[in-house]
Amino acid sequence: MRFRLGPVPDEPGFRPEEGDWVRLREPSAAVMMLCVLPVAALVTTALVFAWSRTGISETGGIITASGLLVFLLAAVALLLAHELLHAVALLRFGTSSATTLGFWPKWMTPYISHKGELPRGRNILVALMPFLVLSIVPLVWGFAFPPAPLWAVALSVLNGIGASADLVAAMLIAVQVPASALVRNRAHETWWRTPDTTNASD
């Protein structure tokens, strides 16, 4: 895995316009934010409602400075765990030189970038992995072993909000890309192509 401070790296050697690649129809960054907001609201509402069905532990009602500091540190750790879980779903668990863990100071956001193509299903799994592990798994645990601690509920919901853009990205790929296709990214652009079946048909 490589580390980078700055924007998502480009791939100058990848020229999809010269091949049989098809660009995914994706909204601009501004429109993407508008799409993410209602998804985030829906996810937050669903998670809060689901957690309320599990029973939540009522631990002290006073917010202390130390408690707030611990929560802020936990939130930072959650951001890092979120990105690393994207990487875990990649080939070789994201440890190859094709994977970049970066931080973009302009937007104050971490990210994971993968150089190379991936099967459609794997690409969708990469997008959904943090949501499944950090929001859904704790929720299932809360149903199995109630009452759930309040911090677990808060981090689960917070991660669900952060994963809303991932959910939109996964939906765009699931709707537009054939099941057998390969997917590849160039900075913020997503491209896909169907595997070469010429030899298989001969």
C-alpha atoms as a PDB file:
ATOM      1  CA  MET A   1       0.000   0.000   0.000  1.00  0.00           C
ATOM      2  CA  ARG A   2       1.193   3.490  -0.848  1.00  0.00           C
ATOM      3  CA  PHE A   3       0.471   6.690   1.065  1.00  0.00           C
ATOM      4  CA  ARG A   4      -0.282  10.066  -0.490  1.00  0.00           C
ATOM      5  CA  LEU A   5      -0.970  13.603   0.704  1.00  0.00           C
ATOM      6  CA  GLY A   6      -3.032  15.378  -1.918  1.00  0.00           C
ATOM      7  CA  PRO A   7      -5.807  14.653  -4.450  1.00  0.00           C
ATOM      8  CA  VAL A   8      -6.707  11.240  -5.817  1.00  0.00           C
ATOM      9  CA  PRO A   9      -3.823  10.198  -8.113  1.00  0.00           C
ATOM     10  CA  ASP A  10      -4.392  10.112 -11.859  1.00  0.00           C
ATOM     11  CA  GLU A  11      -3.247   7.327 -14.202  1.00  0.00           C
ATOM     12  CA  PRO A  12      -1.581   8.998 -17.220  1.00  0.00           C
ATOM     13  CA  GLY A  13      -1.023   5.621 -18.883  1.00  0.00           C
ATOM     14  CA  PHE A  14      -4.713   4.710 -18.760  1.00  0.00           C
ATOM     15  CA  ARG A  15      -6.437   6.092 -21.872  1.00  0.00           C
ATOM     16  CA  PRO A  16      -9.945   4.586 -21.901  1.00  0.00           C
ATOM     17  CA  GLU A  17     -11.051   6.774 -24.823  1.00  0.00           C
ATOM     18  CA  GLU A  18      -8.683   4.813 -27.062  1.00  0.00           C
ATOM     19  CA  GLY A  19     -10.118   1.418 -26.107  1.00  0.00           C
ATOM     20  CA  ASP A  20     -13.466  -0.271 -25.616  1.00  0.00           C
ATOM     21  CA  TRP A  21     -14.154   1.360 -22.255  1.00  0.00           C
ATOM     22  CA  VAL A  22     -17.485   3.022 -21.442  1.00  0.00           C
ATOM     23  CA  ARG A  23     -17.621   5.912 -19.016  1.00  0.00           C
ATOM     24  CA  LEU A  24     -20.059   5.532 -16.152  1.00  0.00           C
ATOM     25  CA  ARG A  25     -22.723   8.239 -16.092  1.00  0.00           C
ATOM     26  CA  GLU A  26     -21.858  10.013 -12.855  1.00  0.00           C
ATOM     27  CA  PRO A  27     -23.027  13.385 -11.541  1.00  0.00           C
ATOM     28  CA  SER A  28     -20.593  16.232 -10.973  1.00  0.00           C
ATOM     29  CA  ALA A  29     -19.189  16.731  -7.494  1.00  0.00           C
ATOM     30  CA  ALA A  30     -21.798  19.390  -6.668  1.00  0.00           C
ATOM     31  CA  VAL A  31     -24.713  17.296  -7.954  1.00  0.00           C
ATOM     32  CA  MET A  32     -23.278  14.241  -6.200  1.00  0.00           C
ATOM     33  CA  MET A  33     -23.506  16.108  -2.907  1.00  0.00           C
ATOM     34  CA  LEU A  34     -27.155  16.879  -3.606  1.00  0.00           C
ATOM     35  CA  CYS A  35     -27.753  13.178  -4.320  1.00  0.00           C
ATOM     36  CA  VAL A  36     -25.941  12.111  -1.158  1.00  0.00           C
ATOM     37  CA  LEU A  37     -27.884  14.385   1.213  1.00  0.00           C
ATOM     38  CA  PRO A  38     -31.278  12.607   0.924  1.00  0.00           C
ATOM     39  CA  VAL A  39     -29.536   9.214   1.032  1.00  0.00           C
ATOM     40  CA  ALA A  40     -27.710  10.277   4.207  1.00  0.00           C
ATOM     41  CA  ALA A  41     -31.001  11.438   5.740  1.00  0.00           C
ATOM     42  CA  LEU A  42     -32.679   8.149   4.840  1.00  0.00           C
ATOM     43  CA  VAL A  43     -29.774   6.048   6.154  1.00  0.00           C
ATOM     44  CA  THR A  44     -29.625   8.056   9.389  1.00  0.00           C
ATOM     45  CA  THR A  45     -33.359   7.691   9.959  1.00  0.00           C
ATOM     46  CA  ALA A  46     -33.269   3.951   9.241  1.00  0.00           C
ATOM     47  CA  LEU A  47     -30.279   3.314  11.511  1.00  0.00           C
ATOM     48  CA  VAL A  48     -31.648   5.393  14.393  1.00  0.00           C
ATOM     49  CA  PHE A  49     -35.005   3.619  14.141  1.00  0.00           C
ATOM     50  CA  ALA A  50     -33.353   0.184  13.968  1.00  0.00           C
ATOM     51  CA  TRP A  51     -31.084   0.946  16.927  1.00  0.00           C
ATOM     52  CA  SER A  52     -34.083   2.146  18.951  1.00  0.00           C
ATOM     53  CA  ARG A  53     -35.591  -1.328  18.523  1.00  0.00           C
ATOM     54  CA  THR A  54     -32.545  -2.971  20.128  1.00  0.00           C
ATOM     55  CA  GLY A  55     -32.626  -1.065  23.395  1.00  0.00           C
ATOM     56  CA  ILE A  56     -29.884   1.434  24.173  1.00  0.00           C
ATOM     57  CA  SER A  57     -27.926   1.533  27.397  1.00  0.00           C
ATOM     58  CA  GLU A  58     -28.533   4.732  29.361  1.00  0.00           C
ATOM     59  CA  THR A  59     -25.095   5.566  30.718  1.00  0.00           C
ATOM     60  CA  GLY A  60     -24.917   8.883  32.568  1.00  0.00           C
ATOM     61  CA  GLY A  61     -26.472  11.983  31.047  1.00  0.00           C
ATOM     62  CA  ILE A  62     -23.599  14.389  31.638  1.00  0.00           C
ATOM     63  CA  ILE A  63     -21.144  15.072  28.812  1.00  0.00           C
ATOM     64  CA  THR A  64     -17.676  15.546  30.271  1.00  0.00           C
ATOM     65  CA  ALA A  65     -14.615  17.052  28.580  1.00  0.00           C
ATOM     66  CA  SER A  66     -12.783  13.737  28.754  1.00  0.00           C
ATOM     67  CA  GLY A  67     -15.784  11.889  27.346  1.00  0.00           C
ATOM     68  CA  LEU A  68     -16.035  14.353  24.459  1.00  0.00           C
ATOM     69  CA  LEU A  69     -12.325  13.975  23.735  1.00  0.00           C
ATOM     70  CA  VAL A  70     -12.619  10.193  23.671  1.00  0.00           C
ATOM     71  CA  PHE A  71     -15.553  10.441  21.273  1.00  0.00           C
ATOM     72  CA  LEU A  72     -13.645  12.795  18.949  1.00  0.00           C
ATOM     73  CA  LEU A  73     -10.655  10.425  18.926  1.00  0.00           C
ATOM     74  CA  ALA A  74     -13.027   7.547  18.241  1.00  0.00           C
ATOM     75  CA  ALA A  75     -14.535   9.490  15.327  1.00  0.00           C
ATOM     76  CA  VAL A  76     -11.062  10.040  13.826  1.00  0.00           C
ATOM     77  CA  ALA A  77     -10.309   6.330  14.267  1.00  0.00           C
ATOM     78  CA  LEU A  78     -13.642   5.582  12.600  1.00  0.00           C
ATOM     79  CA  LEU A  79     -12.623   7.605   9.521  1.00  0.00           C
ATOM     80  CA  LEU A  80      -9.381   5.675   9.242  1.00  0.00           C
ATOM     81  CA  ALA A  81     -11.097   2.334   9.795  1.00  0.00           C
ATOM     82  CA  HIS A  82     -13.678   3.269   7.149  1.00  0.00           C
ATOM     83  CA  GLU A  83     -11.000   3.801   4.491  1.00  0.00           C
ATOM     84  CA  LEU A  84      -8.981   0.745   5.501  1.00  0.00           C
ATOM     85  CA  LEU A  85     -12.092  -1.415   5.149  1.00  0.00           C
ATOM     86  CA  HIS A  86     -12.410  -0.215   1.566  1.00  0.00           C
ATOM     87  CA  ALA A  87      -8.847  -1.486   1.088  1.00  0.00           C
ATOM     88  CA  VAL A  88      -9.514  -4.832   2.775  1.00  0.00           C
ATOM     89  CA  ALA A  89     -12.053  -5.647   0.063  1.00  0.00           C
ATOM     90  CA  LEU A  90      -9.445  -5.064  -2.656  1.00  0.00           C
ATOM     91  CA  LEU A  91      -7.121  -7.688  -4.096  1.00  0.00           C
ATOM     92  CA  ARG A  92      -4.479  -8.837  -1.601  1.00  0.00           C
ATOM     93  CA  PHE A  93      -6.435  -6.969   1.081  1.00  0.00           C
ATOM     94  CA  GLY A  94      -5.181  -3.668  -0.306  1.00  0.00           C
ATOM     95  CA  THR A  95      -1.545  -4.351   0.565  1.00  0.00           C
ATOM     96  CA  SER A  96      -0.245  -4.195  -3.018  1.00  0.00           C
ATOM     97  CA  SER A  97       1.424  -1.134  -4.562  1.00  0.00           C
ATOM     98  CA  ALA A  98      -1.740  -0.672  -6.667  1.00  0.00           C
ATOM     99  CA  THR A  99      -3.581   0.630  -3.582  1.00  0.00           C
ATOM    100  CA  THR A 100      -3.117   4.178  -2.284  1.00  0.00           C
ATOM    101  CA  LEU A 101      -4.307   5.456   1.087  1.00  0.00           C
ATOM    102  CA  GLY A 102      -4.446   9.214   0.810  1.00  0.00           C
ATOM    103  CA  PHE A 103      -5.545  12.369   2.572  1.00  0.00           C
ATOM    104  CA  TRP A 104      -6.726  15.416   0.626  1.00  0.00           C
ATOM    105  CA  PRO A 105      -6.145  18.533   2.779  1.00  0.00           C
ATOM    106  CA  LYS A 106      -8.271  20.738   0.497  1.00  0.00           C
ATOM    107  CA  TRP A 107     -11.392  18.773   1.407  1.00  0.00           C
ATOM    108  CA  MET A 108     -10.061  17.423   4.731  1.00  0.00           C
ATOM    109  CA  THR A 109     -10.933  13.891   3.693  1.00  0.00           C
ATOM    110  CA  PRO A 110      -9.149  10.535   3.535  1.00  0.00           C
ATOM    111  CA  TYR A 111      -9.612   8.219   0.557  1.00  0.00           C
ATOM    112  CA  ILE A 112      -8.603   4.883  -0.955  1.00  0.00           C
ATOM    113  CA  SER A 113      -7.544   4.636  -4.597  1.00  0.00           C
ATOM    114  CA  HIS A 114      -6.879   1.472  -6.600  1.00  0.00           C
ATOM    115  CA  LYS A 115      -4.828   1.365  -9.786  1.00  0.00           C
ATOM    116  CA  GLY A 116      -6.156  -1.269 -12.173  1.00  0.00           C
ATOM    117  CA  GLU A 117      -9.398  -2.944 -13.104  1.00  0.00           C
ATOM    118  CA  LEU A 118     -11.695  -4.918 -10.821  1.00  0.00           C
ATOM    119  CA  PRO A 119     -14.733  -7.120 -11.451  1.00  0.00           C
ATOM    120  CA  ARG A 120     -18.030  -5.293 -11.028  1.00  0.00           C
ATOM    121  CA  GLY A 121     -19.002  -7.355  -7.986  1.00  0.00           C
ATOM    122  CA  ARG A 122     -15.683  -6.726  -6.260  1.00  0.00           C
ATOM    123  CA  ASN A 123     -15.978  -3.009  -6.980  1.00  0.00           C
ATOM    124  CA  ILE A 124     -19.411  -2.888  -5.365  1.00  0.00           C
ATOM    125  CA  LEU A 125     -18.099  -4.831  -2.356  1.00  0.00           C
ATOM    126  CA  VAL A 126     -15.236  -2.330  -1.976  1.00  0.00           C
ATOM    127  CA  ALA A 127     -17.791   0.496  -1.836  1.00  0.00           C
ATOM    128  CA  LEU A 128     -20.106  -1.265   0.639  1.00  0.00           C
ATOM    129  CA  MET A 129     -17.573  -2.883   2.997  1.00  0.00           C
ATOM    130  CA  PRO A 130     -17.293  -0.024   5.564  1.00  0.00           C
ATOM    131  CA  PHE A 131     -21.082   0.330   5.761  1.00  0.00           C
ATOM    132  CA  LEU A 132     -21.569  -3.396   6.272  1.00  0.00           C
ATOM    133  CA  VAL A 133     -18.826  -3.809   8.888  1.00  0.00           C
ATOM    134  CA  LEU A 134     -19.112  -0.550  10.843  1.00  0.00           C
ATOM    135  CA  SER A 135     -22.860   0.132  10.662  1.00  0.00           C
ATOM    136  CA  ILE A 136     -24.726  -3.116   9.987  1.00  0.00           C
ATOM    137  CA  VAL A 137     -22.607  -5.642  11.937  1.00  0.00           C
ATOM    138  CA  PRO A 138     -22.795  -3.584  15.177  1.00  0.00           C
ATOM    139  CA  LEU A 139     -26.551  -3.245  14.641  1.00  0.00           C
ATOM    140  CA  VAL A 140     -26.937  -7.017  14.332  1.00  0.00           C
ATOM    141  CA  TRP A 141     -24.803  -7.382  17.469  1.00  0.00           C
ATOM    142  CA  GLY A 142     -27.064  -4.893  19.241  1.00  0.00           C
ATOM    143  CA  PHE A 143     -30.125  -6.991  18.422  1.00  0.00           C
ATOM    144  CA  ALA A 144     -28.368 -10.164  19.591  1.00  0.00           C
ATOM    145  CA  PHE A 145     -26.949  -8.736  22.820  1.00  0.00           C
ATOM    146  CA  PRO A 146     -28.986  -5.743  24.042  1.00  0.00           C
ATOM    147  CA  PRO A 147     -28.773  -3.149  25.399  1.00  0.00           C
ATOM    148  CA  ALA A 148     -26.273  -1.488  23.072  1.00  0.00           C
ATOM    149  CA  PRO A 149     -23.838   1.096  24.467  1.00  0.00           C
ATOM    150  CA  LEU A 150     -24.588   4.621  23.320  1.00  0.00           C
ATOM    151  CA  TRP A 151     -21.105   5.099  21.814  1.00  0.00           C
ATOM    152  CA  ALA A 152     -21.634   2.087  19.520  1.00  0.00           C
ATOM    153  CA  VAL A 153     -24.931   3.543  18.325  1.00  0.00           C
ATOM    154  CA  ALA A 154     -23.371   6.960  17.692  1.00  0.00           C
ATOM    155  CA  LEU A 155     -20.421   5.580  15.730  1.00  0.00           C
ATOM    156  CA  SER A 156     -22.661   3.245  13.727  1.00  0.00           C
ATOM    157  CA  VAL A 157     -24.935   6.116  12.699  1.00  0.00           C
ATOM    158  CA  LEU A 158     -21.990   8.454  12.062  1.00  0.00           C
ATOM    159  CA  ASN A 159     -20.404   5.866   9.781  1.00  0.00           C
ATOM    160  CA  GLY A 160     -23.715   5.383   7.994  1.00  0.00           C
ATOM    161  CA  ILE A 161     -23.797   9.087   7.205  1.00  0.00           C
ATOM    162  CA  GLY A 162     -20.218   8.960   5.934  1.00  0.00           C
ATOM    163  CA  ALA A 163     -20.972   5.877   3.847  1.00  0.00           C
ATOM    164  CA  SER A 164     -23.858   7.516   1.998  1.00  0.00           C
ATOM    165  CA  ALA A 165     -21.613   8.556  -0.911  1.00  0.00           C
ATOM    166  CA  ASP A 166     -20.359   4.953  -1.094  1.00  0.00           C
ATOM    167  CA  LEU A 167     -23.939   3.711  -1.291  1.00  0.00           C
ATOM    168  CA  VAL A 168     -24.708   6.088  -4.160  1.00  0.00           C
ATOM    169  CA  ALA A 169     -21.520   5.034  -5.986  1.00  0.00           C
ATOM    170  CA  ALA A 170     -22.370   1.347  -5.542  1.00  0.00           C
ATOM    171  CA  MET A 171     -25.891   1.951  -6.834  1.00  0.00           C
ATOM    172  CA  LEU A 172     -24.617   3.749  -9.944  1.00  0.00           C
ATOM    173  CA  ILE A 173     -22.354   0.808 -10.773  1.00  0.00           C
ATOM    174  CA  ALA A 174     -25.012  -1.801  -9.982  1.00  0.00           C
ATOM    175  CA  VAL A 175     -27.554  -0.091 -12.258  1.00  0.00           C
ATOM    176  CA  GLN A 176     -25.323   0.795 -15.215  1.00  0.00           C
ATOM    177  CA  VAL A 177     -22.612  -1.856 -15.386  1.00  0.00           C
ATOM    178  CA  PRO A 178     -23.221  -5.431 -16.620  1.00  0.00           C
ATOM    179  CA  ALA A 179     -22.546  -8.197 -14.089  1.00  0.00           C
ATOM    180  CA  SER A 180     -19.621  -9.620 -16.080  1.00  0.00           C
ATOM    181  CA  ALA A 181     -17.923  -6.273 -16.705  1.00  0.00           C
ATOM    182  CA  LEU A 182     -14.622  -4.941 -15.388  1.00  0.00           C
ATOM    183  CA  VAL A 183     -14.459  -1.529 -13.701  1.00  0.00           C
ATOM    184  CA  ARG A 184     -11.565   0.903 -13.488  1.00  0.00           C
ATOM    185  CA  ASN A 185     -11.105   4.419 -12.149  1.00  0.00           C
ATOM    186  CA  ARG A 186      -9.168   7.373 -13.496  1.00  0.00           C
ATOM    187  CA  ALA A 187      -9.027   9.909 -10.676  1.00  0.00           C
ATOM    188  CA  HIS A 188     -12.747  10.659 -10.096  1.00  0.00           C
ATOM    189  CA  GLU A 189     -13.955   9.074 -13.347  1.00  0.00           C
ATOM    190  CA  THR A 190     -15.297   5.525 -13.453  1.00  0.00           C
ATOM    191  CA  TRP A 191     -15.016   3.400 -16.598  1.00  0.00           C
ATOM    192  CA  TRP A 192     -16.123  -0.127 -17.445  1.00  0.00           C
ATOM    193  CA  ARG A 193     -15.728  -2.687 -20.223  1.00  0.00           C
ATOM    194  CA  THR A 194     -16.908  -6.181 -20.935  1.00  0.00           C
ATOM    195  CA  PRO A 195     -14.218  -8.902 -20.988  1.00  0.00           C
ATOM    196  CA  ASP A 196     -12.858  -9.962 -24.372  1.00  0.00           C
ATOM    197  CA  THR A 197     -14.852 -13.049 -25.377  1.00  0.00           C
ATOM    198  CA  THR A 198     -13.450 -13.374 -28.888  1.00  0.00           C
ATOM    199  CA  ASN A 199     -11.388 -16.428 -28.089  1.00  0.00           C
ATOM    200  CA  ALA A 200     -14.240 -18.047 -26.176  1.00  0.00           C
ATOM    201  CA  SER A 201     -16.515 -17.828 -29.202  1.00  0.00           C
ATOM    202  CA  ASP A 202     -14.033 -19.411 -31.644  1.00  0.00           C
END
